PDB file of N, CA and C in Angstrom:
ATOM      1  N   MET A   1     286.765  52.261  81.300  1.00  0.00           N
ATOM      2  CA  MET A   1     286.582  53.371  80.400  1.00  0.00           C
ATOM      3  C   MET A   1     287.611  53.289  79.267  1.00  0.00           C
ATOM      4  N   ILE A   2     287.167  53.546  78.060  1.00  0.00           N
ATOM      5  CA  ILE A   2     288.047  53.511  76.901  1.00  0.00           C
ATOM      6  C   ILE A   2     288.834  54.814  76.854  1.00  0.00           C
ATOM      7  N   LYS A   3     290.131  54.681  76.703  1.00  0.00           N
ATOM      8  CA  LYS A   3     291.007  55.849  76.654  1.00  0.00           C
ATOM      9  C   LYS A   3     291.086  56.382  75.225  1.00  0.00           C
ATOM     10  N   ARG A   4     291.428  57.641  75.102  1.00  0.00           N
ATOM     11  CA  ARG A   4     291.509  58.293  73.803  1.00  0.00           C
ATOM     12  C   ARG A   4     292.897  58.140  73.200  1.00  0.00           C
ATOM     13  N   THR A   5     292.948  58.045  71.875  1.00  0.00           N
ATOM     14  CA  THR A   5     294.196  58.068  71.136  1.00  0.00           C
ATOM     15  C   THR A   5     294.284  59.410  70.430  1.00  0.00           C
ATOM     16  N   LEU A   6     295.361  60.136  70.689  1.00  0.00           N
ATOM     17  CA  LEU A   6     295.551  61.454  70.087  1.00  0.00           C
ATOM     18  C   LEU A   6     296.683  61.374  69.072  1.00  0.00           C
ATOM     19  N   TYR A   7     296.428  61.863  67.873  1.00  0.00           N
ATOM     20  CA  TYR A   7     297.415  61.868  66.796  1.00  0.00           C
ATOM     21  C   TYR A   7     297.729  63.314  66.437  1.00  0.00           C
ATOM     22  N   PHE A   8     299.013  63.661  66.438  1.00  0.00           N
ATOM     23  CA  PHE A   8     299.441  64.992  66.059  1.00  0.00           C
ATOM     24  C   PHE A   8     300.348  64.867  64.845  1.00  0.00           C
ATOM     25  N   GLY A   9     299.862  65.322  63.694  1.00  0.00           N
ATOM     26  CA  GLY A   9     300.609  65.232  62.447  1.00  0.00           C
ATOM     27  C   GLY A   9     301.005  66.588  61.903  1.00  0.00           C
ATOM     28  N   ASN A  10     300.726  67.655  62.647  1.00  0.00           N
ATOM     29  CA  ASN A  10     301.072  69.016  62.258  1.00  0.00           C
ATOM     30  C   ASN A  10     301.844  69.670  63.401  1.00  0.00           C
ATOM     31  N   PRO A  11     302.515  70.788  63.133  1.00  0.00           N
ATOM     32  CA  PRO A  11     303.198  71.479  64.230  1.00  0.00           C
ATOM     33  C   PRO A  11     302.218  71.829  65.349  1.00  0.00           C
ATOM     34  N   ALA A  12     302.653  71.623  66.589  1.00  0.00           N
ATOM     35  CA  ALA A  12     301.790  71.904  67.735  1.00  0.00           C
ATOM     36  C   ALA A  12     302.637  72.124  68.973  1.00  0.00           C
ATOM     37  N   TYR A  13     302.070  72.898  69.910  1.00  0.00           N
ATOM     38  CA  TYR A  13     302.650  73.069  71.229  1.00  0.00           C
ATOM     39  C   TYR A  13     301.770  72.294  72.199  1.00  0.00           C
ATOM     40  N   LEU A  14     302.341  71.321  72.887  1.00  0.00           N
ATOM     41  CA  LEU A  14     301.593  70.500  73.837  1.00  0.00           C
ATOM     42  C   LEU A  14     302.128  70.780  75.231  1.00  0.00           C
ATOM     43  N   SER A  15     301.229  71.144  76.139  1.00  0.00           N
ATOM     44  CA  SER A  15     301.650  71.458  77.499  1.00  0.00           C
ATOM     45  C   SER A  15     300.587  70.979  78.474  1.00  0.00           C
ATOM     46  N   LEU A  16     300.847  71.196  79.751  1.00  0.00           N
ATOM     47  CA  LEU A  16     299.950  70.763  80.817  1.00  0.00           C
ATOM     48  C   LEU A  16     299.484  71.978  81.603  1.00  0.00           C
ATOM     49  N   ASN A  17     298.185  72.030  81.881  1.00  0.00           N
ATOM     50  CA  ASN A  17     297.633  73.091  82.711  1.00  0.00           C
ATOM     51  C   ASN A  17     296.434  72.536  83.466  1.00  0.00           C
ATOM     52  N   ASN A  18     296.495  72.505  84.784  1.00  0.00           N
ATOM     53  CA  ASN A  18     295.409  72.005  85.632  1.00  0.00           C
ATOM     54  C   ASN A  18     294.979  70.589  85.238  1.00  0.00           C
ATOM     55  N   ALA A  19     295.941  69.693  85.088  1.00  0.00           N
ATOM     56  CA  ALA A  19     295.712  68.292  84.724  1.00  0.00           C
ATOM     57  C   ALA A  19     295.007  68.158  83.370  1.00  0.00           C
ATOM     58  N   GLN A  20     295.196  69.130  82.505  1.00  0.00           N
ATOM     59  CA  GLN A  20     294.625  69.116  81.164  1.00  0.00           C
ATOM     60  C   GLN A  20     295.761  69.218  80.144  1.00  0.00           C
ATOM     61  N   LEU A  21     295.679  68.410  79.090  1.00  0.00           N
ATOM     62  CA  LEU A  21     296.602  68.525  77.978  1.00  0.00           C
ATOM     63  C   LEU A  21     296.133  69.714  77.145  1.00  0.00           C
ATOM     64  N   VAL A  22     297.001  70.689  76.966  1.00  0.00           N
ATOM     65  CA  VAL A  22     296.665  71.906  76.223  1.00  0.00           C
ATOM     66  C   VAL A  22     297.339  71.839  74.865  1.00  0.00           C
ATOM     67  N   VAL A  23     296.548  72.000  73.805  1.00  0.00           N
ATOM     68  CA  VAL A  23     297.057  71.959  72.424  1.00  0.00           C
ATOM     69  C   VAL A  23     296.928  73.363  71.839  1.00  0.00           C
ATOM     70  N   ARG A  24     298.062  73.899  71.410  1.00  0.00           N
ATOM     71  CA  ARG A  24     298.079  75.185  70.719  1.00  0.00           C
ATOM     72  C   ARG A  24     298.757  74.987  69.376  1.00  0.00           C
ATOM     73  N   LEU A  25     298.275  75.684  68.372  1.00  0.00           N
ATOM     74  CA  LEU A  25     298.822  75.553  67.018  1.00  0.00           C
ATOM     75  C   LEU A  25     299.629  76.789  66.664  1.00  0.00           C
ATOM     76  N   PRO A  26     300.903  76.616  66.280  1.00  0.00           N
ATOM     77  CA  PRO A  26     301.741  77.778  65.973  1.00  0.00           C
ATOM     78  C   PRO A  26     301.249  78.588  64.778  1.00  0.00           C
ATOM     79  N   GLU A  27     300.570  77.947  63.827  1.00  0.00           N
ATOM     80  CA  GLU A  27     300.059  78.700  62.674  1.00  0.00           C
ATOM     81  C   GLU A  27     299.076  79.770  63.121  1.00  0.00           C
ATOM     82  N   ILE A  28     298.270  79.440  64.107  1.00  0.00           N
ATOM     83  CA  ILE A  28     297.275  80.391  64.599  1.00  0.00           C
ATOM     84  C   ILE A  28     297.947  81.451  65.462  1.00  0.00           C
ATOM     85  N   GLU A  29     298.867  81.038  66.321  1.00  0.00           N
ATOM     86  CA  GLU A  29     299.512  81.989  67.223  1.00  0.00           C
ATOM     87  C   GLU A  29     300.373  83.001  66.479  1.00  0.00           C
ATOM     88  N   LYS A  30     300.975  82.599  65.360  1.00  0.00           N
ATOM     89  CA  LYS A  30     301.864  83.491  64.619  1.00  0.00           C
ATOM     90  C   LYS A  30     301.148  84.312  63.561  1.00  0.00           C
ATOM     91  N   ASP A  31     299.885  84.041  63.313  1.00  0.00           N
ATOM     92  CA  ASP A  31     299.143  84.769  62.287  1.00  0.00           C
ATOM     93  C   ASP A  31     298.800  86.164  62.811  1.00  0.00           C
ATOM     94  N   GLU A  32     299.344  87.171  62.168  1.00  0.00           N
ATOM     95  CA  GLU A  32     299.158  88.539  62.641  1.00  0.00           C
ATOM     96  C   GLU A  32     297.775  89.103  62.318  1.00  0.00           C
ATOM     97  N   TYR A  33     297.037  88.441  61.434  1.00  0.00           N
ATOM     98  CA  TYR A  33     295.734  88.947  61.034  1.00  0.00           C
ATOM     99  C   TYR A  33     294.600  88.449  61.930  1.00  0.00           C
ATOM    100  N   LEU A  34     294.884  87.478  62.766  1.00  0.00           N
ATOM    101  CA  LEU A  34     293.860  86.957  63.672  1.00  0.00           C
ATOM    102  C   LEU A  34     293.858  87.763  64.960  1.00  0.00           C
ATOM    103  N   SER A  35     292.686  87.940  65.515  1.00  0.00           N
ATOM    104  CA  SER A  35     292.576  88.711  66.756  1.00  0.00           C
ATOM    105  C   SER A  35     293.088  87.892  67.942  1.00  0.00           C
ATOM    106  N   THR A  36     293.483  88.572  68.983  1.00  0.00           N
ATOM    107  CA  THR A  36     293.969  87.882  70.182  1.00  0.00           C
ATOM    108  C   THR A  36     292.841  87.101  70.845  1.00  0.00           C
ATOM    109  N   GLU A  37     291.623  87.578  70.715  1.00  0.00           N
ATOM    110  CA  GLU A  37     290.469  86.844  71.259  1.00  0.00           C
ATOM    111  C   GLU A  37     290.331  85.487  70.583  1.00  0.00           C
ATOM    112  N   PHE A  38     290.459  85.477  69.257  1.00  0.00           N
ATOM    113  CA  PHE A  38     290.358  84.214  68.516  1.00  0.00           C
ATOM    114  C   PHE A  38     291.511  83.294  68.876  1.00  0.00           C
ATOM    115  N   LYS A  39     292.706  83.844  69.018  1.00  0.00           N
ATOM    116  CA  LYS A  39     293.873  83.035  69.353  1.00  0.00           C
ATOM    117  C   LYS A  39     293.706  82.357  70.708  1.00  0.00           C
ATOM    118  N   LYS A  40     293.080  83.050  71.664  1.00  0.00           N
ATOM    119  CA  LYS A  40     292.859  82.459  72.992  1.00  0.00           C
ATOM    120  C   LYS A  40     291.841  81.327  72.938  1.00  0.00           C
ATOM    121  N   THR A  41     290.843  81.453  72.081  1.00  0.00           N
ATOM    122  CA  THR A  41     289.816  80.414  71.981  1.00  0.00           C
ATOM    123  C   THR A  41     290.236  79.269  71.070  1.00  0.00           C
ATOM    124  N   ALA A  42     291.348  79.414  70.359  1.00  0.00           N
ATOM    125  CA  ALA A  42     291.797  78.384  69.416  1.00  0.00           C
ATOM    126  C   ALA A  42     292.588  77.273  70.096  1.00  0.00           C
ATOM    127  N   THR A  43     292.756  77.324  71.399  1.00  0.00           N
ATOM    128  CA  THR A  43     293.455  76.255  72.103  1.00  0.00           C
ATOM    129  C   THR A  43     292.447  75.186  72.503  1.00  0.00           C
ATOM    130  N   ALA A  44     292.902  73.949  72.491  1.00  0.00           N
ATOM    131  CA  ALA A  44     292.051  72.825  72.897  1.00  0.00           C
ATOM    132  C   ALA A  44     292.620  72.214  74.168  1.00  0.00           C
ATOM    133  N   THR A  45     291.738  71.754  75.039  1.00  0.00           N
ATOM    134  CA  THR A  45     292.174  71.084  76.263  1.00  0.00           C
ATOM    135  C   THR A  45     291.513  69.716  76.349  1.00  0.00           C
ATOM    136  N   ILE A  46     292.272  68.747  76.824  1.00  0.00           N
ATOM    137  CA  ILE A  46     291.805  67.373  76.959  1.00  0.00           C
ATOM    138  C   ILE A  46     292.260  66.862  78.321  1.00  0.00           C
ATOM    139  N   PRO A  47     291.368  66.271  79.112  1.00  0.00           N
ATOM    140  CA  PRO A  47     291.797  65.729  80.408  1.00  0.00           C
ATOM    141  C   PRO A  47     292.855  64.647  80.227  1.00  0.00           C
ATOM    142  N   VAL A  48     293.938  64.765  80.983  1.00  0.00           N
ATOM    143  CA  VAL A  48     295.045  63.817  80.855  1.00  0.00           C
ATOM    144  C   VAL A  48     294.587  62.403  81.206  1.00  0.00           C
ATOM    145  N   GLU A  49     293.679  62.256  82.163  1.00  0.00           N
ATOM    146  CA  GLU A  49     293.248  60.919  82.563  1.00  0.00           C
ATOM    147  C   GLU A  49     292.428  60.208  81.486  1.00  0.00           C
ATOM    148  N   ASP A  50     291.975  60.946  80.468  1.00  0.00           N
ATOM    149  CA  ASP A  50     291.218  60.340  79.368  1.00  0.00           C
ATOM    150  C   ASP A  50     292.117  59.863  78.225  1.00  0.00           C
ATOM    151  N   VAL A  51     293.410  60.152  78.281  1.00  0.00           N
ATOM    152  CA  VAL A  51     294.323  59.859  77.174  1.00  0.00           C
ATOM    153  C   VAL A  51     294.999  58.506  77.401  1.00  0.00           C
ATOM    154  N   GLY A  52     294.967  57.662  76.377  1.00  0.00           N
ATOM    155  CA  GLY A  52     295.623  56.360  76.442  1.00  0.00           C
ATOM    156  C   GLY A  52     296.888  56.295  75.614  1.00  0.00           C
ATOM    157  N   VAL A  53     296.870  56.939  74.438  1.00  0.00           N
ATOM    158  CA  VAL A  53     298.015  56.927  73.524  1.00  0.00           C
ATOM    159  C   VAL A  53     298.139  58.302  72.880  1.00  0.00           C
ATOM    160  N   VAL A  54     299.376  58.784  72.775  1.00  0.00           N
ATOM    161  CA  VAL A  54     299.669  60.025  72.058  1.00  0.00           C
ATOM    162  C   VAL A  54     300.682  59.686  70.972  1.00  0.00           C
ATOM    163  N   VAL A  55     300.340  59.992  69.720  1.00  0.00           N
ATOM    164  CA  VAL A  55     301.233  59.744  68.589  1.00  0.00           C
ATOM    165  C   VAL A  55     301.759  61.094  68.107  1.00  0.00           C
ATOM    166  N   LEU A  56     303.085  61.243  68.132  1.00  0.00           N
ATOM    167  CA  LEU A  56     303.742  62.474  67.707  1.00  0.00           C
ATOM    168  C   LEU A  56     304.382  62.222  66.350  1.00  0.00           C
ATOM    169  N   ASP A  57     303.776  62.771  65.294  1.00  0.00           N
ATOM    170  CA  ASP A  57     304.188  62.451  63.928  1.00  0.00           C
ATOM    171  C   ASP A  57     304.573  63.708  63.149  1.00  0.00           C
ATOM    172  N   HIS A  58     305.358  64.585  63.765  1.00  0.00           N
ATOM    173  CA  HIS A  58     305.846  65.771  63.072  1.00  0.00           C
ATOM    174  C   HIS A  58     307.076  66.285  63.796  1.00  0.00           C
ATOM    175  N   LYS A  59     308.029  66.825  63.055  1.00  0.00           N
ATOM    176  CA  LYS A  59     309.270  67.318  63.656  1.00  0.00           C
ATOM    177  C   LYS A  59     309.053  68.556  64.521  1.00  0.00           C
ATOM    178  N   GLN A  60     308.041  69.343  64.218  1.00  0.00           N
ATOM    179  CA  GLN A  60     307.841  70.613  64.903  1.00  0.00           C
ATOM    180  C   GLN A  60     306.777  70.534  65.984  1.00  0.00           C
ATOM    181  N   ILE A  61     306.791  69.455  66.740  1.00  0.00           N
ATOM    182  CA  ILE A  61     305.905  69.332  67.889  1.00  0.00           C
ATOM    183  C   ILE A  61     306.737  69.572  69.135  1.00  0.00           C
ATOM    184  N   THR A  62     306.269  70.465  69.966  1.00  0.00           N
ATOM    185  CA  THR A  62     306.937  70.755  71.227  1.00  0.00           C
ATOM    186  C   THR A  62     306.056  70.221  72.347  1.00  0.00           C
ATOM    187  N   ILE A  63     306.648  69.411  73.229  1.00  0.00           N
ATOM    188  CA  ILE A  63     305.904  68.823  74.338  1.00  0.00           C
ATOM    189  C   ILE A  63     306.685  69.079  75.621  1.00  0.00           C
ATOM    190  N   THR A  64     306.002  69.494  76.660  1.00  0.00           N
ATOM    191  CA  THR A  64     306.688  69.832  77.904  1.00  0.00           C
ATOM    192  C   THR A  64     306.921  68.589  78.757  1.00  0.00           C
ATOM    193  N   GLN A  65     307.942  68.672  79.601  1.00  0.00           N
ATOM    194  CA  GLN A  65     308.258  67.576  80.515  1.00  0.00           C
ATOM    195  C   GLN A  65     307.106  67.339  81.491  1.00  0.00           C
ATOM    196  N   GLY A  66     306.452  68.405  81.913  1.00  0.00           N
ATOM    197  CA  GLY A  66     305.311  68.257  82.821  1.00  0.00           C
ATOM    198  C   GLY A  66     304.202  67.429  82.198  1.00  0.00           C
ATOM    199  N   LEU A  67     303.938  67.640  80.921  1.00  0.00           N
ATOM    200  CA  LEU A  67     302.912  66.855  80.232  1.00  0.00           C
ATOM    201  C   LEU A  67     303.347  65.409  80.079  1.00  0.00           C
ATOM    202  N   ILE A  68     304.612  65.192  79.728  1.00  0.00           N
ATOM    203  CA  ILE A  68     305.110  63.818  79.597  1.00  0.00           C
ATOM    204  C   ILE A  68     304.943  63.074  80.914  1.00  0.00           C
ATOM    205  N   ALA A  69     305.332  63.707  82.008  1.00  0.00           N
ATOM    206  CA  ALA A  69     305.222  63.078  83.326  1.00  0.00           C
ATOM    207  C   ALA A  69     303.764  62.778  83.674  1.00  0.00           C
ATOM    208  N   ALA A  70     302.871  63.714  83.376  1.00  0.00           N
ATOM    209  CA  ALA A  70     301.456  63.501  83.685  1.00  0.00           C
ATOM    210  C   ALA A  70     300.870  62.367  82.848  1.00  0.00           C
ATOM    211  N   LEU A  71     301.237  62.303  81.578  1.00  0.00           N
ATOM    212  CA  LEU A  71     300.744  61.227  80.715  1.00  0.00           C
ATOM    213  C   LEU A  71     301.227  59.868  81.212  1.00  0.00           C
ATOM    214  N   VAL A  72     302.506  59.784  81.535  1.00  0.00           N
ATOM    215  CA  VAL A  72     303.072  58.521  82.012  1.00  0.00           C
ATOM    216  C   VAL A  72     302.457  58.131  83.354  1.00  0.00           C
ATOM    217  N   ASP A  73     302.220  59.109  84.229  1.00  0.00           N
ATOM    218  CA  ASP A  73     301.578  58.823  85.518  1.00  0.00           C
ATOM    219  C   ASP A  73     300.165  58.268  85.348  1.00  0.00           C
ATOM    220  N   ASN A  74     299.526  58.623  84.241  1.00  0.00           N
ATOM    221  CA  ASN A  74     298.170  58.144  83.965  1.00  0.00           C
ATOM    222  C   ASN A  74     298.159  56.969  82.990  1.00  0.00           C
ATOM    223  N   ASN A  75     299.280  56.260  82.890  1.00  0.00           N
ATOM    224  CA  ASN A  75     299.409  55.049  82.070  1.00  0.00           C
ATOM    225  C   ASN A  75     299.164  55.278  80.582  1.00  0.00           C
ATOM    226  N   ALA A  76     299.541  56.433  80.089  1.00  0.00           N
ATOM    227  CA  ALA A  76     299.424  56.701  78.656  1.00  0.00           C
ATOM    228  C   ALA A  76     300.747  56.367  77.976  1.00  0.00           C
ATOM    229  N   ALA A  77     300.662  55.900  76.749  1.00  0.00           N
ATOM    230  CA  ALA A  77     301.847  55.617  75.942  1.00  0.00           C
ATOM    231  C   ALA A  77     302.088  56.787  74.997  1.00  0.00           C
ATOM    232  N   ILE A  78     303.360  57.131  74.792  1.00  0.00           N
ATOM    233  CA  ILE A  78     303.731  58.192  73.861  1.00  0.00           C
ATOM    234  C   ILE A  78     304.565  57.556  72.755  1.00  0.00           C
ATOM    235  N   ILE A  79     304.104  57.710  71.522  1.00  0.00           N
ATOM    236  CA  ILE A  79     304.773  57.112  70.363  1.00  0.00           C
ATOM    237  C   ILE A  79     305.324  58.238  69.501  1.00  0.00           C
ATOM    238  N   THR A  80     306.604  58.142  69.144  1.00  0.00           N
ATOM    239  CA  THR A  80     307.210  59.121  68.251  1.00  0.00           C
ATOM    240  C   THR A  80     307.456  58.475  66.889  1.00  0.00           C
ATOM    241  N   CYS A  81     307.349  59.290  65.845  1.00  0.00           N
ATOM    242  CA  CYS A  81     307.515  58.796  64.479  1.00  0.00           C
ATOM    243  C   CYS A  81     308.655  59.541  63.794  1.00  0.00           C
ATOM    244  N   ASN A  82     309.207  58.928  62.742  1.00  0.00           N
ATOM    245  CA  ASN A  82     310.305  59.541  61.999  1.00  0.00           C
ATOM    246  C   ASN A  82     309.779  60.281  60.772  1.00  0.00           C
ATOM    247  N   ASP A  83     310.703  60.668  59.887  1.00  0.00           N
ATOM    248  CA  ASP A  83     310.323  61.432  58.692  1.00  0.00           C
ATOM    249  C   ASP A  83     309.412  60.659  57.751  1.00  0.00           C
ATOM    250  N   THR A  84     309.509  59.338  57.765  1.00  0.00           N
ATOM    251  CA  THR A  84     308.681  58.522  56.881  1.00  0.00           C
ATOM    252  C   THR A  84     307.374  58.095  57.551  1.00  0.00           C
ATOM    253  N   ARG A  85     307.064  58.714  58.693  1.00  0.00           N
ATOM    254  CA  ARG A  85     305.824  58.480  59.439  1.00  0.00           C
ATOM    255  C   ARG A  85     305.715  57.074  60.016  1.00  0.00           C
ATOM    256  N   HIS A  86     306.869  56.461  60.253  1.00  0.00           N
ATOM    257  CA  HIS A  86     306.891  55.152  60.902  1.00  0.00           C
ATOM    258  C   HIS A  86     307.241  55.336  62.372  1.00  0.00           C
ATOM    259  N   PRO A  87     306.611  54.584  63.256  1.00  0.00           N
ATOM    260  CA  PRO A  87     306.937  54.689  64.684  1.00  0.00           C
ATOM    261  C   PRO A  87     308.398  54.316  64.936  1.00  0.00           C
ATOM    262  N   THR A  88     309.075  55.144  65.729  1.00  0.00           N
ATOM    263  CA  THR A  88     310.471  54.875  66.053  1.00  0.00           C
ATOM    264  C   THR A  88     310.718  54.760  67.545  1.00  0.00           C
ATOM    265  N   GLY A  89     309.795  55.241  68.355  1.00  0.00           N
ATOM    266  CA  GLY A  89     310.000  55.185  69.795  1.00  0.00           C
ATOM    267  C   GLY A  89     308.691  55.033  70.536  1.00  0.00           C
ATOM    268  N   LEU A  90     308.786  54.423  71.712  1.00  0.00           N
ATOM    269  CA  LEU A  90     307.611  54.203  72.553  1.00  0.00           C
ATOM    270  C   LEU A  90     307.995  54.487  73.990  1.00  0.00           C
ATOM    271  N   LEU A  91     307.304  55.426  74.610  1.00  0.00           N
ATOM    272  CA  LEU A  91     307.540  55.756  76.005  1.00  0.00           C
ATOM    273  C   LEU A  91     306.340  55.274  76.806  1.00  0.00           C
ATOM    274  N   MET A  92     306.610  54.406  77.780  1.00  0.00           N
ATOM    275  CA  MET A  92     305.541  53.838  78.597  1.00  0.00           C
ATOM    276  C   MET A  92     305.943  53.899  80.062  1.00  0.00           C
ATOM    277  N   PRO A  93     304.961  53.877  80.958  1.00  0.00           N
ATOM    278  CA  PRO A  93     305.282  53.917  82.383  1.00  0.00           C
ATOM    279  C   PRO A  93     305.997  52.641  82.828  1.00  0.00           C
ATOM    280  N   LEU A  94     306.870  52.792  83.805  1.00  0.00           N
ATOM    281  CA  LEU A  94     307.607  51.642  84.316  1.00  0.00           C
ATOM    282  C   LEU A  94     306.807  50.843  85.334  1.00  0.00           C
ATOM    283  N   ASP A  95     305.912  51.488  86.021  1.00  0.00           N
ATOM    284  CA  ASP A  95     305.099  50.774  86.999  1.00  0.00           C
ATOM    285  C   ASP A  95     303.619  51.018  86.717  1.00  0.00           C
ATOM    286  N   LYS A  96     302.768  50.356  87.433  1.00  0.00           N
ATOM    287  CA  LYS A  96     301.313  50.496  87.300  1.00  0.00           C
ATOM    288  C   LYS A  96     300.816  50.182  85.892  1.00  0.00           C
ATOM    289  N   ASN A  97     301.463  49.272  85.212  1.00  0.00           N
ATOM    290  CA  ASN A  97     301.061  49.006  83.843  1.00  0.00           C
ATOM    291  C   ASN A  97     300.838  47.517  83.619  1.00  0.00           C
ATOM    292  N   GLU A  98     299.993  46.911  84.438  1.00  0.00           N
ATOM    293  CA  GLU A  98     299.728  45.487  84.309  1.00  0.00           C
ATOM    294  C   GLU A  98     298.954  45.164  83.039  1.00  0.00           C
ATOM    295  N   ILE A  99     298.062  46.042  82.639  1.00  0.00           N
ATOM    296  CA  ILE A  99     297.246  45.786  81.448  1.00  0.00           C
ATOM    297  C   ILE A  99     298.133  45.701  80.211  1.00  0.00           C
ATOM    298  N   GLN A 100     299.074  46.644  80.088  1.00  0.00           N
ATOM    299  CA  GLN A 100     299.936  46.636  78.905  1.00  0.00           C
ATOM    300  C   GLN A 100     300.816  45.396  78.879  1.00  0.00           C
ATOM    301  N   SER A 101     301.351  44.997  80.041  1.00  0.00           N
ATOM    302  CA  SER A 101     302.184  43.795  80.056  1.00  0.00           C
ATOM    303  C   SER A 101     301.354  42.552  79.727  1.00  0.00           C
ATOM    304  N   GLN A 102     300.082  42.539  80.136  1.00  0.00           N
ATOM    305  CA  GLN A 102     299.205  41.423  79.769  1.00  0.00           C
ATOM    306  C   GLN A 102     298.966  41.403  78.261  1.00  0.00           C
ATOM    307  N   ARG A 103     298.809  42.579  77.665  1.00  0.00           N
ATOM    308  CA  ARG A 103     298.623  42.656  76.210  1.00  0.00           C
ATOM    309  C   ARG A 103     299.870  42.175  75.481  1.00  0.00           C
ATOM    310  N   PHE A 104     301.035  42.594  75.967  1.00  0.00           N
ATOM    311  CA  PHE A 104     302.278  42.126  75.357  1.00  0.00           C
ATOM    312  C   PHE A 104     302.388  40.613  75.454  1.00  0.00           C
ATOM    313  N   GLN A 105     302.040  40.070  76.603  1.00  0.00           N
ATOM    314  CA  GLN A 105     302.115  38.623  76.801  1.00  0.00           C
ATOM    315  C   GLN A 105     301.153  37.900  75.851  1.00  0.00           C
ATOM    316  N   ALA A 106     299.944  38.451  75.693  1.00  0.00           N
ATOM    317  CA  ALA A 106     298.976  37.850  74.767  1.00  0.00           C
ATOM    318  C   ALA A 106     299.490  37.898  73.334  1.00  0.00           C
ATOM    319  N   GLN A 107     300.166  38.982  72.960  1.00  0.00           N
ATOM    320  CA  GLN A 107     300.724  39.082  71.615  1.00  0.00           C
ATOM    321  C   GLN A 107     301.846  38.077  71.413  1.00  0.00           C
ATOM    322  N   ILE A 108     302.667  37.883  72.427  1.00  0.00           N
ATOM    323  CA  ILE A 108     303.761  36.920  72.329  1.00  0.00           C
ATOM    324  C   ILE A 108     303.226  35.511  72.191  1.00  0.00           C
ATOM    325  N   GLU A 109     302.171  35.206  72.932  1.00  0.00           N
ATOM    326  CA  GLU A 109     301.627  33.852  72.948  1.00  0.00           C
ATOM    327  C   GLU A 109     300.621  33.589  71.828  1.00  0.00           C
ATOM    328  N   ALA A 110     300.371  34.563  70.955  1.00  0.00           N
ATOM    329  CA  ALA A 110     299.407  34.378  69.872  1.00  0.00           C
ATOM    330  C   ALA A 110     299.864  33.261  68.943  1.00  0.00           C
ATOM    331  N   SER A 111     298.890  32.539  68.408  1.00  0.00           N
ATOM    332  CA  SER A 111     299.209  31.427  67.504  1.00  0.00           C
ATOM    333  C   SER A 111     299.725  31.957  66.167  1.00  0.00           C
ATOM    334  N   ALA A 112     300.434  31.126  65.461  1.00  0.00           N
ATOM    335  CA  ALA A 112     300.991  31.511  64.154  1.00  0.00           C
ATOM    336  C   ALA A 112     299.893  31.891  63.155  1.00  0.00           C
ATOM    337  N   PRO A 113     298.773  31.151  63.073  1.00  0.00           N
ATOM    338  CA  PRO A 113     297.727  31.561  62.131  1.00  0.00           C
ATOM    339  C   PRO A 113     297.138  32.939  62.466  1.00  0.00           C
ATOM    340  N   LEU A 114     296.980  33.232  63.756  1.00  0.00           N
ATOM    341  CA  LEU A 114     296.454  34.539  64.145  1.00  0.00           C
ATOM    342  C   LEU A 114     297.433  35.640  63.747  1.00  0.00           C
ATOM    343  N   LYS A 115     298.722  35.432  63.999  1.00  0.00           N
ATOM    344  CA  LYS A 115     299.724  36.421  63.622  1.00  0.00           C
ATOM    345  C   LYS A 115     299.732  36.654  62.116  1.00  0.00           C
ATOM    346  N   LYS A 116     299.623  35.567  61.331  1.00  0.00           N
ATOM    347  CA  LYS A 116     299.604  35.708  59.875  1.00  0.00           C
ATOM    348  C   LYS A 116     298.358  36.454  59.414  1.00  0.00           C
ATOM    349  N   ASN A 117     297.222  36.170  60.043  1.00  0.00           N
ATOM    350  CA  ASN A 117     295.978  36.842  59.690  1.00  0.00           C
ATOM    351  C   ASN A 117     296.061  38.335  60.008  1.00  0.00           C
ATOM    352  N   LEU A 118     296.587  38.681  61.164  1.00  0.00           N
ATOM    353  CA  LEU A 118     296.733  40.092  61.538  1.00  0.00           C
ATOM    354  C   LEU A 118     297.720  40.803  60.617  1.00  0.00           C
ATOM    355  N   TRP A 119     298.794  40.123  60.241  1.00  0.00           N
ATOM    356  CA  TRP A 119     299.756  40.713  59.319  1.00  0.00           C
ATOM    357  C   TRP A 119     299.121  40.957  57.959  1.00  0.00           C
ATOM    358  N   GLN A 120     298.311  40.021  57.515  1.00  0.00           N
ATOM    359  CA  GLN A 120     297.618  40.173  56.238  1.00  0.00           C
ATOM    360  C   GLN A 120     296.673  41.385  56.292  1.00  0.00           C
ATOM    361  N   GLN A 121     295.944  41.542  57.382  1.00  0.00           N
ATOM    362  CA  GLN A 121     295.052  42.692  57.526  1.00  0.00           C
ATOM    363  C   GLN A 121     295.834  44.000  57.531  1.00  0.00           C
ATOM    364  N   THR A 122     296.989  43.987  58.178  1.00  0.00           N
ATOM    365  CA  THR A 122     297.822  45.190  58.229  1.00  0.00           C
ATOM    366  C   THR A 122     298.278  45.584  56.827  1.00  0.00           C
ATOM    367  N   ILE A 123     298.754  44.620  56.062  1.00  0.00           N
ATOM    368  CA  ILE A 123     299.225  44.902  54.695  1.00  0.00           C
ATOM    369  C   ILE A 123     298.061  45.382  53.811  1.00  0.00           C
ATOM    370  N   GLN A 124     296.903  44.757  53.950  1.00  0.00           N
ATOM    371  CA  GLN A 124     295.744  45.166  53.155  1.00  0.00           C
ATOM    372  C   GLN A 124     295.366  46.620  53.458  1.00  0.00           C
ATOM    373  N   MET A 125     295.407  47.011  54.726  1.00  0.00           N
ATOM    374  CA  MET A 125     295.058  48.384  55.087  1.00  0.00           C
ATOM    375  C   MET A 125     296.123  49.375  54.603  1.00  0.00           C
ATOM    376  N   LYS A 126     297.384  48.948  54.626  1.00  0.00           N
ATOM    377  CA  LYS A 126     298.443  49.827  54.107  1.00  0.00           C
ATOM    378  C   LYS A 126     298.240  50.064  52.612  1.00  0.00           C
ATOM    379  N   ILE A 127     297.881  49.024  51.878  1.00  0.00           N
ATOM    380  CA  ILE A 127     297.640  49.165  50.451  1.00  0.00           C
ATOM    381  C   ILE A 127     296.417  50.050  50.208  1.00  0.00           C
ATOM    382  N   THR A 128     295.380  49.849  51.011  1.00  0.00           N
ATOM    383  CA  THR A 128     294.172  50.663  50.888  1.00  0.00           C
ATOM    384  C   THR A 128     294.456  52.142  51.144  1.00  0.00           C
ATOM    385  N   ASN A 129     295.270  52.392  52.163  1.00  0.00           N
ATOM    386  CA  ASN A 129     295.606  53.789  52.503  1.00  0.00           C
ATOM    387  C   ASN A 129     296.512  54.391  51.455  1.00  0.00           C
TER     388      ASN A 129
END
């Protein structure tokens, strides 16, 4: 099964409830003009076992230790980014991660032409973006 990649680029509260990743947005919770009914329905839940990668790309993201532990237990990677939106940290499980180590090994053993081709594609997409 293909795992989901979740990107958070805005302030958010991330927590765990019944093996579900719960996403709440502070803009909605703090808005005094919205009804409490709407605020309750504005939360999103995602099964933790469906998540493969979580990218945290904002200073005002709050994530609970329970969620971090659940993500790592389900072999999900957590990537943190700095002010310039570049990845600065990677949290991965220490055990049960044979697939990721195989991917790392394949990347290490990649031929020079393949690495140059992938680098060229990366630069082209950065320019496009």
